[in-house]
Amino acid sequence: MELIHEIQESIQNPINLCMVVVAVPPPLERFWVLKTATESITKQEIANFWRQKRIDEEEHLLAAIKAAARIRACSLKNP
């Protein structure tokens, strides 16, 4: 109740009006937007792990295909 009474008095007195306007806190929207945009370190580590695992599997498959192609090429050269 005291705060409401102070605000009403400051509105009536134009000199104190500036004090009331300055006392208003900034909006919290920016804080919440920044808070939801971040991603946890654990999720990043998990994503990096699976990305690296997929790359390793692709490299292994490519190496197996090359090895099979070399074996086929050798068998075609030697009848």
PDB file of N, CA and C in Angstrom:
ATOM      1  N   MET A   1       0.823  -1.190   0.000  1.00  0.00           N
ATOM      2  CA  MET A   1       0.000   0.000   0.000  1.00  0.00           C
ATOM      3  C   MET A   1       0.868   1.255   0.000  1.00  0.00           C
ATOM      4  N   GLU A   2       2.009   1.179   0.691  1.00  0.00           N
ATOM      5  CA  GLU A   2       2.863   2.356   0.755  1.00  0.00           C
ATOM      6  C   GLU A   2       3.403   2.708  -0.627  1.00  0.00           C
ATOM      7  N   LEU A   3       3.755   1.691  -1.389  1.00  0.00           N
ATOM      8  CA  LEU A   3       4.294   1.922  -2.730  1.00  0.00           C
ATOM      9  C   LEU A   3       3.253   2.590  -3.622  1.00  0.00           C
ATOM     10  N   ILE A   4       2.025   2.140  -3.542  1.00  0.00           N
ATOM     11  CA  ILE A   4       0.950   2.745  -4.345  1.00  0.00           C
ATOM     12  C   ILE A   4       0.752   4.201  -3.933  1.00  0.00           C
ATOM     13  N   HIS A   5       0.815   4.436  -2.638  1.00  0.00           N
ATOM     14  CA  HIS A   5       0.654   5.809  -2.143  1.00  0.00           C
ATOM     15  C   HIS A   5       1.808   6.694  -2.641  1.00  0.00           C
ATOM     16  N   GLU A   6       3.030   6.176  -2.627  1.00  0.00           N
ATOM     17  CA  GLU A   6       4.189   6.936  -3.119  1.00  0.00           C
ATOM     18  C   GLU A   6       4.066   7.226  -4.604  1.00  0.00           C
ATOM     19  N   ILE A   7       3.611   6.271  -5.361  1.00  0.00           N
ATOM     20  CA  ILE A   7       3.451   6.469  -6.804  1.00  0.00           C
ATOM     21  C   ILE A   7       2.397   7.530  -7.082  1.00  0.00           C
ATOM     22  N   GLN A   8       1.293   7.472  -6.348  1.00  0.00           N
ATOM     23  CA  GLN A   8       0.247   8.476  -6.550  1.00  0.00           C
ATOM     24  C   GLN A   8       0.747   9.875  -6.208  1.00  0.00           C
ATOM     25  N   GLU A   9       1.524  10.003  -5.139  1.00  0.00           N
ATOM     26  CA  GLU A   9       2.077  11.310  -4.780  1.00  0.00           C
ATOM     27  C   GLU A   9       3.081  11.787  -5.814  1.00  0.00           C
ATOM     28  N   SER A  10       3.904  10.874  -6.331  1.00  0.00           N
ATOM     29  CA  SER A  10       4.919  11.282  -7.299  1.00  0.00           C
ATOM     30  C   SER A  10       4.291  11.681  -8.631  1.00  0.00           C
ATOM     31  N   ILE A  11       3.165  11.081  -8.980  1.00  0.00           N
ATOM     32  CA  ILE A  11       2.472  11.474 -10.214  1.00  0.00           C
ATOM     33  C   ILE A  11       1.922  12.887 -10.074  1.00  0.00           C
ATOM     34  N   GLN A  12       1.452  13.205  -8.885  1.00  0.00           N
ATOM     35  CA  GLN A  12       0.929  14.558  -8.657  1.00  0.00           C
ATOM     36  C   GLN A  12       2.053  15.593  -8.667  1.00  0.00           C
ATOM     37  N   ASN A  13       3.232  15.220  -8.239  1.00  0.00           N
ATOM     38  CA  ASN A  13       4.371  16.136  -8.220  1.00  0.00           C
ATOM     39  C   ASN A  13       5.273  15.806  -9.419  1.00  0.00           C
ATOM     40  N   PRO A  14       5.369  16.679 -10.442  1.00  0.00           N
ATOM     41  CA  PRO A  14       6.136  16.357 -11.653  1.00  0.00           C
ATOM     42  C   PRO A  14       7.622  16.169 -11.409  1.00  0.00           C
ATOM     43  N   ILE A  15       8.170  16.689 -10.359  1.00  0.00           N
ATOM     44  CA  ILE A  15       9.596  16.527 -10.091  1.00  0.00           C
ATOM     45  C   ILE A  15       9.901  15.076  -9.727  1.00  0.00           C
ATOM     46  N   ASN A  16       9.023  14.447  -8.963  1.00  0.00           N
ATOM     47  CA  ASN A  16       9.224  13.063  -8.556  1.00  0.00           C
ATOM     48  C   ASN A  16       8.816  12.062  -9.634  1.00  0.00           C
ATOM     49  N   LEU A  17       8.204  12.499 -10.685  1.00  0.00           N
ATOM     50  CA  LEU A  17       7.758  11.607 -11.747  1.00  0.00           C
ATOM     51  C   LEU A  17       8.945  10.891 -12.391  1.00  0.00           C
ATOM     52  N   CYS A  18      10.053  11.587 -12.564  1.00  0.00           N
ATOM     53  CA  CYS A  18      11.255  10.982 -13.144  1.00  0.00           C
ATOM     54  C   CYS A  18      11.757   9.839 -12.279  1.00  0.00           C
ATOM     55  N   MET A  19      11.646   9.981 -10.987  1.00  0.00           N
ATOM     56  CA  MET A  19      12.113   8.942 -10.077  1.00  0.00           C
ATOM     57  C   MET A  19      11.279   7.673 -10.237  1.00  0.00           C
ATOM     58  N   VAL A  20      10.012   7.818 -10.468  1.00  0.00           N
ATOM     59  CA  VAL A  20       9.142   6.661 -10.647  1.00  0.00           C
ATOM     60  C   VAL A  20       9.473   5.943 -11.945  1.00  0.00           C
ATOM     61  N   VAL A  21       9.712   6.685 -13.005  1.00  0.00           N
ATOM     62  CA  VAL A  21      10.008   6.081 -14.302  1.00  0.00           C
ATOM     63  C   VAL A  21      11.335   5.341 -14.255  1.00  0.00           C
ATOM     64  N   VAL A  22      12.323   5.882 -13.565  1.00  0.00           N
ATOM     65  CA  VAL A  22      13.632   5.244 -13.460  1.00  0.00           C
ATOM     66  C   VAL A  22      13.547   3.977 -12.618  1.00  0.00           C
ATOM     67  N   ALA A  23      12.646   3.938 -11.659  1.00  0.00           N
ATOM     68  CA  ALA A  23      12.541   2.807 -10.753  1.00  0.00           C
ATOM     69  C   ALA A  23      11.931   1.564 -11.399  1.00  0.00           C
ATOM     70  N   VAL A  24      11.380   1.661 -12.586  1.00  0.00           N
ATOM     71  CA  VAL A  24      10.751   0.516 -13.247  1.00  0.00           C
ATOM     72  C   VAL A  24      11.850  -0.417 -13.768  1.00  0.00           C
ATOM     73  N   PRO A  25      11.821  -1.703 -13.414  1.00  0.00           N
ATOM     74  CA  PRO A  25      12.867  -2.629 -13.874  1.00  0.00           C
ATOM     75  C   PRO A  25      12.717  -2.929 -15.371  1.00  0.00           C
ATOM     76  N   PRO A  26      13.802  -3.319 -16.024  1.00  0.00           N
ATOM     77  CA  PRO A  26      13.724  -3.653 -17.444  1.00  0.00           C
ATOM     78  C   PRO A  26      12.927  -4.940 -17.660  1.00  0.00           C
ATOM     79  N   PRO A  27      12.393  -5.146 -18.838  1.00  0.00           N
ATOM     80  CA  PRO A  27      11.624  -6.373 -19.090  1.00  0.00           C
ATOM     81  C   PRO A  27      12.527  -7.606 -19.061  1.00  0.00           C
ATOM     82  N   LEU A  28      11.953  -8.727 -18.728  1.00  0.00           N
ATOM     83  CA  LEU A  28      12.719  -9.972 -18.602  1.00  0.00           C
ATOM     84  C   LEU A  28      12.719 -10.818 -19.877  1.00  0.00           C
ATOM     85  N   GLU A  29      12.136 -10.328 -20.944  1.00  0.00           N
ATOM     86  CA  GLU A  29      12.009 -11.134 -22.156  1.00  0.00           C
ATOM     87  C   GLU A  29      13.363 -11.542 -22.725  1.00  0.00           C
ATOM     88  N   ARG A  30      14.316 -10.613 -22.767  1.00  0.00           N
ATOM     89  CA  ARG A  30      15.631 -10.942 -23.306  1.00  0.00           C
ATOM     90  C   ARG A  30      16.284 -12.056 -22.502  1.00  0.00           C
ATOM     91  N   PHE A  31      16.135 -12.004 -21.195  1.00  0.00           N
ATOM     92  CA  PHE A  31      16.718 -13.024 -20.337  1.00  0.00           C
ATOM     93  C   PHE A  31      16.179 -14.409 -20.691  1.00  0.00           C
ATOM     94  N   TRP A  32      14.870 -14.504 -20.872  1.00  0.00           N
ATOM     95  CA  TRP A  32      14.276 -15.804 -21.163  1.00  0.00           C
ATOM     96  C   TRP A  32      14.633 -16.286 -22.551  1.00  0.00           C
ATOM     97  N   VAL A  33      14.741 -15.380 -23.511  1.00  0.00           N
ATOM     98  CA  VAL A  33      15.105 -15.779 -24.869  1.00  0.00           C
ATOM     99  C   VAL A  33      16.517 -16.346 -24.871  1.00  0.00           C
ATOM    100  N   LEU A  34      17.425 -15.672 -24.188  1.00  0.00           N
ATOM    101  CA  LEU A  34      18.793 -16.166 -24.134  1.00  0.00           C
ATOM    102  C   LEU A  34      18.872 -17.479 -23.371  1.00  0.00           C
ATOM    103  N   LYS A  35      18.057 -17.641 -22.368  1.00  0.00           N
ATOM    104  CA  LYS A  35      18.087 -18.848 -21.553  1.00  0.00           C
ATOM    105  C   LYS A  35      17.641 -20.072 -22.363  1.00  0.00           C
ATOM    106  N   THR A  36      16.617 -19.927 -23.195  1.00  0.00           N
ATOM    107  CA  THR A  36      16.114 -21.070 -23.947  1.00  0.00           C
ATOM    108  C   THR A  36      16.966 -21.377 -25.171  1.00  0.00           C
ATOM    109  N   ALA A  37      17.772 -20.422 -25.628  1.00  0.00           N
ATOM    110  CA  ALA A  37      18.550 -20.638 -26.841  1.00  0.00           C
ATOM    111  C   ALA A  37      19.798 -21.477 -26.576  1.00  0.00           C
ATOM    112  N   THR A  38      20.249 -21.575 -25.342  1.00  0.00           N
ATOM    113  CA  THR A  38      21.462 -22.321 -25.041  1.00  0.00           C
ATOM    114  C   THR A  38      21.196 -23.812 -25.072  1.00  0.00           C
ATOM    115  N   GLU A  39      22.251 -24.564 -25.350  1.00  0.00           N
ATOM    116  CA  GLU A  39      22.143 -26.017 -25.378  1.00  0.00           C
ATOM    117  C   GLU A  39      23.120 -26.568 -24.357  1.00  0.00           C
ATOM    118  N   SER A  40      22.770 -27.627 -23.685  1.00  0.00           N
ATOM    119  CA  SER A  40      23.621 -28.147 -22.626  1.00  0.00           C
ATOM    120  C   SER A  40      24.885 -28.779 -23.204  1.00  0.00           C
ATOM    121  N   ILE A  41      25.913 -28.789 -22.397  1.00  0.00           N
ATOM    122  CA  ILE A  41      27.194 -29.369 -22.793  1.00  0.00           C
ATOM    123  C   ILE A  41      27.031 -30.868 -23.015  1.00  0.00           C
ATOM    124  N   THR A  42      26.228 -31.519 -22.208  1.00  0.00           N
ATOM    125  CA  THR A  42      26.025 -32.962 -22.336  1.00  0.00           C
ATOM    126  C   THR A  42      25.411 -33.303 -23.686  1.00  0.00           C
ATOM    127  N   LYS A  43      24.406 -32.527 -24.125  1.00  0.00           N
ATOM    128  CA  LYS A  43      23.800 -32.791 -25.425  1.00  0.00           C
ATOM    129  C   LYS A  43      24.802 -32.595 -26.546  1.00  0.00           C
ATOM    130  N   GLN A  44      25.663 -31.582 -26.424  1.00  0.00           N
ATOM    131  CA  GLN A  44      26.691 -31.352 -27.440  1.00  0.00           C
ATOM    132  C   GLN A  44      27.672 -32.517 -27.480  1.00  0.00           C
ATOM    133  N   GLU A  45      28.066 -33.006 -26.308  1.00  0.00           N
ATOM    134  CA  GLU A  45      29.003 -34.135 -26.256  1.00  0.00           C
ATOM    135  C   GLU A  45      28.381 -35.391 -26.860  1.00  0.00           C
ATOM    136  N   ILE A  46      27.117 -35.641 -26.577  1.00  0.00           N
ATOM    137  CA  ILE A  46      26.431 -36.807 -27.141  1.00  0.00           C
ATOM    138  C   ILE A  46      26.337 -36.682 -28.658  1.00  0.00           C
ATOM    139  N   ALA A  47      25.978 -35.478 -29.144  1.00  0.00           N
ATOM    140  CA  ALA A  47      25.887 -35.264 -30.592  1.00  0.00           C
ATOM    141  C   ALA A  47      27.246 -35.455 -31.251  1.00  0.00           C
ATOM    142  N   ASN A  48      28.300 -34.948 -30.629  1.00  0.00           N
ATOM    143  CA  ASN A  48      29.649 -35.127 -31.177  1.00  0.00           C
ATOM    144  C   ASN A  48      30.052 -36.593 -31.191  1.00  0.00           C
ATOM    145  N   PHE A  49      29.694 -37.332 -30.137  1.00  0.00           N
ATOM    146  CA  PHE A  49      30.014 -38.762 -30.082  1.00  0.00           C
ATOM    147  C   PHE A  49      29.376 -39.515 -31.242  1.00  0.00           C
ATOM    148  N   TRP A  50      28.066 -39.310 -31.467  1.00  0.00           N
ATOM    149  CA  TRP A  50      27.379 -40.035 -32.535  1.00  0.00           C
ATOM    150  C   TRP A  50      27.857 -39.590 -33.909  1.00  0.00           C
ATOM    151  N   ARG A  51      28.180 -38.301 -34.051  1.00  0.00           N
ATOM    152  CA  ARG A  51      28.717 -37.815 -35.323  1.00  0.00           C
ATOM    153  C   ARG A  51      30.053 -38.501 -35.626  1.00  0.00           C
ATOM    154  N   GLN A  52      30.927 -38.590 -34.610  1.00  0.00           N
ATOM    155  CA  GLN A  52      32.219 -39.249 -34.798  1.00  0.00           C
ATOM    156  C   GLN A  52      32.039 -40.741 -35.052  1.00  0.00           C
ATOM    157  N   LYS A  53      31.089 -41.365 -34.378  1.00  0.00           N
ATOM    158  CA  LYS A  53      30.835 -42.801 -34.587  1.00  0.00           C
ATOM    159  C   LYS A  53      30.361 -43.055 -36.016  1.00  0.00           C
ATOM    160  N   ARG A  54      29.486 -42.181 -36.539  1.00  0.00           N
ATOM    161  CA  ARG A  54      29.008 -42.318 -37.918  1.00  0.00           C
ATOM    162  C   ARG A  54      30.167 -42.151 -38.904  1.00  0.00           C
ATOM    163  N   ILE A  55      31.053 -41.192 -38.650  1.00  0.00           N
ATOM    164  CA  ILE A  55      32.212 -40.988 -39.532  1.00  0.00           C
ATOM    165  C   ILE A  55      33.119 -42.213 -39.514  1.00  0.00           C
ATOM    166  N   ASP A  56      33.356 -42.776 -38.319  1.00  0.00           N
ATOM    167  CA  ASP A  56      34.194 -43.981 -38.214  1.00  0.00           C
ATOM    168  C   ASP A  56      33.579 -45.151 -38.972  1.00  0.00           C
ATOM    169  N   GLU A  57      32.263 -45.341 -38.863  1.00  0.00           N
ATOM    170  CA  GLU A  57      31.600 -46.429 -39.581  1.00  0.00           C
ATOM    171  C   GLU A  57      31.703 -46.242 -41.089  1.00  0.00           C
ATOM    172  N   GLU A  58      31.527 -44.997 -41.554  1.00  0.00           N
ATOM    173  CA  GLU A  58      31.631 -44.734 -42.990  1.00  0.00           C
ATOM    174  C   GLU A  58      33.045 -44.992 -43.490  1.00  0.00           C
ATOM    175  N   GLU A  59      34.060 -44.592 -42.706  1.00  0.00           N
ATOM    176  CA  GLU A  59      35.448 -44.842 -43.094  1.00  0.00           C
ATOM    177  C   GLU A  59      35.737 -46.344 -43.128  1.00  0.00           C
ATOM    178  N   HIS A  60      35.204 -47.075 -42.134  1.00  0.00           N
ATOM    179  CA  HIS A  60      35.406 -48.519 -42.096  1.00  0.00           C
ATOM    180  C   HIS A  60      34.749 -49.199 -43.297  1.00  0.00           C
ATOM    181  N   LEU A  61      33.531 -48.778 -43.621  1.00  0.00           N
ATOM    182  CA  LEU A  61      32.833 -49.348 -44.775  1.00  0.00           C
ATOM    183  C   LEU A  61      33.587 -49.036 -46.061  1.00  0.00           C
ATOM    184  N   LEU A  62      34.068 -47.810 -46.205  1.00  0.00           N
ATOM    185  CA  LEU A  62      34.822 -47.429 -47.396  1.00  0.00           C
ATOM    186  C   LEU A  62      36.109 -48.250 -47.510  1.00  0.00           C
ATOM    187  N   ALA A  63      36.791 -48.474 -46.385  1.00  0.00           N
ATOM    188  CA  ALA A  63      38.004 -49.298 -46.402  1.00  0.00           C
ATOM    189  C   ALA A  63      37.682 -50.730 -46.805  1.00  0.00           C
ATOM    190  N   ALA A  64      36.569 -51.275 -46.337  1.00  0.00           N
ATOM    191  CA  ALA A  64      36.171 -52.636 -46.706  1.00  0.00           C
ATOM    192  C   ALA A  64      35.835 -52.724 -48.192  1.00  0.00           C
ATOM    193  N   ILE A  65      35.154 -51.718 -48.737  1.00  0.00           N
ATOM    194  CA  ILE A  65      34.830 -51.703 -50.169  1.00  0.00           C
ATOM    195  C   ILE A  65      36.111 -51.642 -50.993  1.00  0.00           C
ATOM    196  N   LYS A  66      37.072 -50.813 -50.585  1.00  0.00           N
ATOM    197  CA  LYS A  66      38.353 -50.718 -51.308  1.00  0.00           C
ATOM    198  C   LYS A  66      39.112 -52.040 -51.254  1.00  0.00           C
ATOM    199  N   ALA A  67      39.101 -52.692 -50.080  1.00  0.00           N
ATOM    200  CA  ALA A  67      39.792 -53.974 -49.944  1.00  0.00           C
ATOM    201  C   ALA A  67      39.145 -55.023 -50.844  1.00  0.00           C
ATOM    202  N   ALA A  68      37.839 -55.050 -50.894  1.00  0.00           N
ATOM    203  CA  ALA A  68      37.143 -56.003 -51.761  1.00  0.00           C
ATOM    204  C   ALA A  68      37.444 -55.716 -53.231  1.00  0.00           C
ATOM    205  N   ALA A  69      37.506 -54.439 -53.592  1.00  0.00           N
ATOM    206  CA  ALA A  69      37.822 -54.078 -54.971  1.00  0.00           C
ATOM    207  C   ALA A  69      39.246 -54.496 -55.325  1.00  0.00           C
ATOM    208  N   ARG A  70      40.187 -54.349 -54.381  1.00  0.00           N
ATOM    209  CA  ARG A  70      41.566 -54.789 -54.638  1.00  0.00           C
ATOM    210  C   ARG A  70      41.634 -56.291 -54.845  1.00  0.00           C
ATOM    211  N   ILE A  71      40.893 -57.043 -54.036  1.00  0.00           N
ATOM    212  CA  ILE A  71      40.886 -58.500 -54.166  1.00  0.00           C
ATOM    213  C   ILE A  71      40.300 -58.894 -55.518  1.00  0.00           C
ATOM    214  N   ARG A  72      39.216 -58.255 -55.927  1.00  0.00           N
ATOM    215  CA  ARG A  72      38.612 -58.551 -57.237  1.00  0.00           C
ATOM    216  C   ARG A  72      39.569 -58.196 -58.376  1.00  0.00           C
ATOM    217  N   ALA A  73      40.256 -57.086 -58.236  1.00  0.00           N
ATOM    218  CA  ALA A  73      41.195 -56.671 -59.282  1.00  0.00           C
ATOM    219  C   ALA A  73      42.344 -57.670 -59.396  1.00  0.00           C
ATOM    220  N   CYS A  74      42.832 -58.141 -58.260  1.00  0.00           N
ATOM    221  CA  CYS A  74      43.920 -59.143 -58.294  1.00  0.00           C
ATOM    222  C   CYS A  74      43.450 -60.457 -58.892  1.00  0.00           C
ATOM    223  N   SER A  75      42.216 -60.852 -58.579  1.00  0.00           N
ATOM    224  CA  SER A  75      41.711 -62.110 -59.126  1.00  0.00           C
ATOM    225  C   SER A  75      41.447 -61.999 -60.624  1.00  0.00           C
ATOM    226  N   LEU A  76      41.121 -60.822 -61.139  1.00  0.00           N
ATOM    227  CA  LEU A  76      40.935 -60.650 -62.573  1.00  0.00           C
ATOM    228  C   LEU A  76      42.268 -60.657 -63.311  1.00  0.00           C
ATOM    229  N   LYS A  77      43.316 -60.146 -62.695  1.00  0.00           N
ATOM    230  CA  LYS A  77      44.638 -60.133 -63.334  1.00  0.00           C
ATOM    231  C   LYS A  77      45.225 -61.532 -63.435  1.00  0.00           C
ATOM    232  N   ASN A  78      45.023 -62.319 -62.390  1.00  0.00           N
ATOM    233  CA  ASN A  78      45.582 -63.694 -62.374  1.00  0.00           C
ATOM    234  C   ASN A  78      44.459 -64.704 -62.683  1.00  0.00           C
ATOM    235  N   PRO A  79      44.395 -65.148 -63.948  1.00  0.00           N
ATOM    236  CA  PRO A  79      43.336 -66.114 -64.289  1.00  0.00           C
ATOM    237  C   PRO A  79      43.588 -67.515 -63.800  1.00  0.00           C
TER     238      PRO A  79
END
